[in-house]
C-alpha atoms as a PDB file:
ATOM      1  CA  MET A   1       0.000   0.000   0.000  1.00  0.00           C
ATOM      2  CA  GLN A   2       1.303   3.436  -0.867  1.00  0.00           C
ATOM      3  CA  VAL A   3       0.957   6.246   1.664  1.00  0.00           C
ATOM      4  CA  ILE A   4       2.087   9.856   1.845  1.00  0.00           C
ATOM      5  CA  LEU A   5       3.925  10.661   5.061  1.00  0.00           C
ATOM      6  CA  ILE A   6       2.739  13.769   6.896  1.00  0.00           C
ATOM      7  CA  LYS A   7       5.476  13.658   9.559  1.00  0.00           C
ATOM      8  CA  ASP A   8       8.961  12.186   9.690  1.00  0.00           C
ATOM      9  CA  VAL A   9       8.869   8.509  10.681  1.00  0.00           C
ATOM     10  CA  ASP A  10      12.046   6.772  11.856  1.00  0.00           C
ATOM     11  CA  ASN A  11      13.354   4.061   9.509  1.00  0.00           C
ATOM     12  CA  LEU A  12      10.649   4.886   6.953  1.00  0.00           C
ATOM     13  CA  GLY A  13      11.011   8.392   5.522  1.00  0.00           C
ATOM     14  CA  GLY A  14      10.522  12.098   5.889  1.00  0.00           C
ATOM     15  CA  ALA A  15       7.493  14.340   5.636  1.00  0.00           C
ATOM     16  CA  ASN A  16       5.915  14.753   2.165  1.00  0.00           C
ATOM     17  CA  GLU A  17       7.389  11.480   0.943  1.00  0.00           C
ATOM     18  CA  LEU A  18       5.577   8.725  -0.922  1.00  0.00           C
ATOM     19  CA  VAL A  19       6.397   5.306   0.569  1.00  0.00           C
ATOM     20  CA  THR A  20       5.181   1.753   0.146  1.00  0.00           C
ATOM     21  CA  VAL A  21       4.316  -0.123   3.347  1.00  0.00           C
ATOM     22  CA  LYS A  22       2.285  -3.172   4.331  1.00  0.00           C
ATOM     23  CA  SER A  23      -1.429  -2.390   4.390  1.00  0.00           C
ATOM     24  CA  GLY A  24      -1.849  -3.440   8.026  1.00  0.00           C
ATOM     25  CA  TYR A  25       0.951  -1.117   9.175  1.00  0.00           C
ATOM     26  CA  ALA A  26      -0.651   1.747   7.269  1.00  0.00           C
ATOM     27  CA  ARG A  27      -4.244   1.113   8.394  1.00  0.00           C
ATOM     28  CA  ASN A  28      -3.478   0.231  12.016  1.00  0.00           C
ATOM     29  CA  TYR A  29      -0.619   2.568  12.871  1.00  0.00           C
ATOM     30  CA  LEU A  30       0.393   5.260  10.368  1.00  0.00           C
ATOM     31  CA  ILE A  31      -3.037   6.597   9.401  1.00  0.00           C
ATOM     32  CA  PRO A  32      -4.662   6.552  12.907  1.00  0.00           C
ATOM     33  CA  GLN A  33      -1.589   8.228  14.439  1.00  0.00           C
ATOM     34  CA  LYS A  34      -1.783  10.946  11.736  1.00  0.00           C
ATOM     35  CA  PHE A  35       1.684  10.051  10.442  1.00  0.00           C
ATOM     36  CA  ALA A  36       0.410   9.351   6.926  1.00  0.00           C
ATOM     37  CA  VAL A  37      -2.529   9.602   4.531  1.00  0.00           C
ATOM     38  CA  GLU A  38      -3.572   7.218   1.798  1.00  0.00           C
ATOM     39  CA  ALA A  39      -2.025   7.915  -1.608  1.00  0.00           C
ATOM     40  CA  ASN A  40      -5.219   8.596  -3.566  1.00  0.00           C
ATOM     41  CA  PRO A  41      -5.329  10.994  -6.568  1.00  0.00           C
ATOM     42  CA  SER A  42      -6.406  14.074  -4.585  1.00  0.00           C
ATOM     43  CA  ASN A  43      -3.718  13.527  -1.925  1.00  0.00           C
ATOM     44  CA  MET A  44      -1.134  12.974  -4.674  1.00  0.00           C
ATOM     45  CA  LYS A  45      -2.099  16.335  -6.206  1.00  0.00           C
ATOM     46  CA  GLN A  46      -1.708  18.041  -2.817  1.00  0.00           C
ATOM     47  CA  LEU A  47       1.692  16.366  -2.408  1.00  0.00           C
ATOM     48  CA  GLN A  48       2.847  17.712  -5.770  1.00  0.00           C
ATOM     49  CA  GLU A  49       1.738  21.221  -4.802  1.00  0.00           C
ATOM     50  CA  ARG A  50       3.567  21.016  -1.468  1.00  0.00           C
ATOM     51  CA  GLN A  51       6.700  19.828  -3.267  1.00  0.00           C
ATOM     52  CA  LYS A  52       6.479  22.734  -5.750  1.00  0.00           C
ATOM     53  CA  VAL A  53       6.162  25.232  -2.900  1.00  0.00           C
ATOM     54  CA  ALA A  54       9.072  23.626  -1.051  1.00  0.00           C
ATOM     55  CA  LYS A  55      11.214  23.720  -4.220  1.00  0.00           C
ATOM     56  CA  LYS A  56      10.508  27.440  -4.739  1.00  0.00           C
ATOM     57  CA  LYS A  57      11.302  28.160  -1.100  1.00  0.00           C
ATOM     58  CA  GLU A  58      14.543  26.176  -1.319  1.00  0.00           C
ATOM     59  CA  ASP A  59      15.604  27.961  -4.525  1.00  0.00           C
ATOM     60  CA  LYS A  60      14.946  31.347  -2.927  1.00  0.00           C
ATOM     61  CA  MET A  61      16.939  30.368   0.165  1.00  0.00           C
ATOM     62  CA  LEU A  62      19.807  29.067  -1.973  1.00  0.00           C
ATOM     63  CA  ALA A  63      19.978  32.365  -3.881  1.00  0.00           C
ATOM     64  CA  GLU A  64      20.048  34.255  -0.601  1.00  0.00           C
ATOM     65  CA  ILE A  65      22.840  32.025   0.728  1.00  0.00           C
ATOM     66  CA  LYS A  66      24.873  32.606  -2.463  1.00  0.00           C
ATOM     67  CA  SER A  67      24.558  36.379  -2.048  1.00  0.00           C
ATOM     68  CA  VAL A  68      25.688  36.144   1.593  1.00  0.00           C
ATOM     69  CA  ILE A  69      28.664  33.981   0.566  1.00  0.00           C
ATOM     70  CA  ASN A  70      29.676  36.489  -2.113  1.00  0.00           C
ATOM     71  CA  ALA A  71      29.438  39.376   0.361  1.00  0.00           C
ATOM     72  CA  LEU A  72      31.530  37.515   2.934  1.00  0.00           C
ATOM     73  CA  GLN A  73      34.231  36.575   0.427  1.00  0.00           C
ATOM     74  CA  SER A  74      34.486  40.075  -1.062  1.00  0.00           C
ATOM     75  CA  SER A  75      36.731  41.408   1.708  1.00  0.00           C
ATOM     76  CA  ALA A  76      38.244  40.292   4.994  1.00  0.00           C
ATOM     77  CA  VAL A  77      36.513  40.943   8.296  1.00  0.00           C
ATOM     78  CA  LYS A  78      38.594  42.979  10.757  1.00  0.00           C
ATOM     79  CA  LEU A  79      38.799  42.016  14.424  1.00  0.00           C
ATOM     80  CA  THR A  80      40.631  43.869  17.162  1.00  0.00           C
ATOM     81  CA  ALA A  81      42.324  42.196  20.099  1.00  0.00           C
ATOM     82  CA  LYS A  82      44.495  43.203  23.016  1.00  0.00           C
ATOM     83  CA  THR A  83      48.098  42.165  22.459  1.00  0.00           C
ATOM     84  CA  GLY A  84      51.300  41.930  24.389  1.00  0.00           C
ATOM     85  CA  THR A  85      54.639  43.421  23.354  1.00  0.00           C
ATOM     86  CA  SER A  86      55.550  40.395  21.214  1.00  0.00           C
ATOM     87  CA  GLY A  87      52.377  40.644  19.073  1.00  0.00           C
ATOM     88  CA  LYS A  88      50.639  37.716  20.709  1.00  0.00           C
ATOM     89  CA  ILE A  89      46.966  38.028  21.633  1.00  0.00           C
ATOM     90  CA  PHE A  90      45.781  37.789  25.235  1.00  0.00           C
ATOM     91  CA  GLY A  91      43.510  34.756  24.943  1.00  0.00           C
ATOM     92  CA  SER A  92      42.310  33.786  21.463  1.00  0.00           C
ATOM     93  CA  ILE A  93      39.724  34.744  18.857  1.00  0.00           C
ATOM     94  CA  THR A  94      36.428  32.844  19.156  1.00  0.00           C
ATOM     95  CA  SER A  95      33.579  32.139  16.767  1.00  0.00           C
ATOM     96  CA  LEU A  96      31.387  34.521  18.784  1.00  0.00           C
ATOM     97  CA  GLN A  97      33.774  37.402  18.066  1.00  0.00           C
ATOM     98  CA  ILE A  98      33.785  36.529  14.361  1.00  0.00           C
ATOM     99  CA  ALA A  99      29.966  36.375  14.299  1.00  0.00           C
ATOM    100  CA  ARG A 100      29.727  39.805  15.949  1.00  0.00           C
ATOM    101  CA  ALA A 101      32.274  41.276  13.518  1.00  0.00           C
ATOM    102  CA  ILE A 102      30.347  39.906  10.517  1.00  0.00           C
ATOM    103  CA  ARG A 103      27.117  41.351  11.931  1.00  0.00           C
ATOM    104  CA  ASP A 104      28.693  44.775  12.524  1.00  0.00           C
ATOM    105  CA  GLN A 105      30.728  45.042   9.306  1.00  0.00           C
ATOM    106  CA  LYS A 106      28.719  43.091   6.731  1.00  0.00           C
ATOM    107  CA  GLY A 107      25.211  43.286   8.185  1.00  0.00           C
ATOM    108  CA  TYR A 108      24.506  39.532   8.203  1.00  0.00           C
ATOM    109  CA  GLU A 109      23.437  37.647  11.309  1.00  0.00           C
ATOM    110  CA  ILE A 110      25.238  34.282  11.383  1.00  0.00           C
ATOM    111  CA  ASP A 111      24.892  31.805  14.223  1.00  0.00           C
ATOM    112  CA  ARG A 112      28.222  31.344  16.000  1.00  0.00           C
ATOM    113  CA  LYS A 113      27.690  27.573  16.053  1.00  0.00           C
ATOM    114  CA  ARG A 114      27.945  27.517  12.256  1.00  0.00           C
ATOM    115  CA  ILE A 115      31.406  29.104  12.343  1.00  0.00           C
ATOM    116  CA  SER A 116      34.470  26.928  12.853  1.00  0.00           C
ATOM    117  CA  ILE A 117      37.939  28.398  13.058  1.00  0.00           C
ATOM    118  CA  VAL A 118      40.504  26.452  11.035  1.00  0.00           C
ATOM    119  CA  ASP A 119      43.345  26.838  13.557  1.00  0.00           C
ATOM    120  CA  ASP A 120      43.783  28.517  16.958  1.00  0.00           C
ATOM    121  CA  VAL A 121      44.146  32.266  16.537  1.00  0.00           C
ATOM    122  CA  LYS A 122      46.636  33.522  19.079  1.00  0.00           C
ATOM    123  CA  GLU A 123      48.573  36.103  17.077  1.00  0.00           C
ATOM    124  CA  LEU A 124      47.961  39.069  14.796  1.00  0.00           C
ATOM    125  CA  GLY A 125      47.513  38.600  11.066  1.00  0.00           C
ATOM    126  CA  THR A 126      45.123  37.091   8.544  1.00  0.00           C
ATOM    127  CA  HIS A 127      43.373  33.821   9.401  1.00  0.00           C
ATOM    128  CA  LYS A 128      40.570  31.673   8.002  1.00  0.00           C
ATOM    129  CA  ALA A 129      37.289  30.350   9.350  1.00  0.00           C
ATOM    130  CA  SER A 130      34.696  28.185   7.640  1.00  0.00           C
ATOM    131  CA  ILE A 131      30.957  28.801   7.795  1.00  0.00           C
ATOM    132  CA  ASP A 132      28.487  25.967   7.197  1.00  0.00           C
ATOM    133  CA  PHE A 133      25.110  27.202   5.919  1.00  0.00           C
ATOM    134  CA  GLY A 134      23.684  23.673   5.652  1.00  0.00           C
ATOM    135  CA  ASN A 135      22.786  21.604   2.573  1.00  0.00           C
ATOM    136  CA  GLY A 136      26.454  21.395   1.605  1.00  0.00           C
ATOM    137  CA  ASN A 137      26.927  25.174   1.412  1.00  0.00           C
ATOM    138  CA  VAL A 138      30.248  25.782   3.135  1.00  0.00           C
ATOM    139  CA  THR A 139      32.480  28.790   2.584  1.00  0.00           C
ATOM    140  CA  GLU A 140      35.801  29.971   3.929  1.00  0.00           C
ATOM    141  CA  VAL A 141      35.991  33.509   5.247  1.00  0.00           C
ATOM    142  CA  GLU A 142      39.193  35.440   5.836  1.00  0.00           C
ATOM    143  CA  PHE A 143      39.462  37.610   8.902  1.00  0.00           C
ATOM    144  CA  GLU A 144      42.244  39.924   9.951  1.00  0.00           C
ATOM    145  CA  VAL A 145      43.251  40.379  13.568  1.00  0.00           C
ATOM    146  CA  VAL A 146      44.736  43.791  14.357  1.00  0.00           C
ATOM    147  CA  ALA A 147      46.028  45.250  17.602  1.00  0.00           C
ATOM    148  CA  GLU A 148      43.644  47.336  19.671  1.00  0.00           C
END
């Protein structure tokens, strides 16, 4: 029996997916628990519409992500840090500081958890960090650490 999943079901599939299951499993568990609906012609049409809307939304989001990536790669982000006489930083640069600098200088709000610094930043100069936007969209951003 073919059913359209309404919610994600472990070991079966995700929402808005057409799956084939045993008829007893569908009638006794999936449909009464509101995890799925029967795959009749009207439900199939609704599924296609939902997939079209999701595709448009995903394309729009992808275009937005590309514009953010281009803006971030256009120039380096500048960070200031307190340094000693030898040019070493007191402490180190964190992803939170990079996220704040991107917000202040570029105008984009990026979650600090999506930023990973390639190597420990404990001295002045130009360094790299990678930002993961999800769906395989990862970019490297250069940032420059200057003395305060």
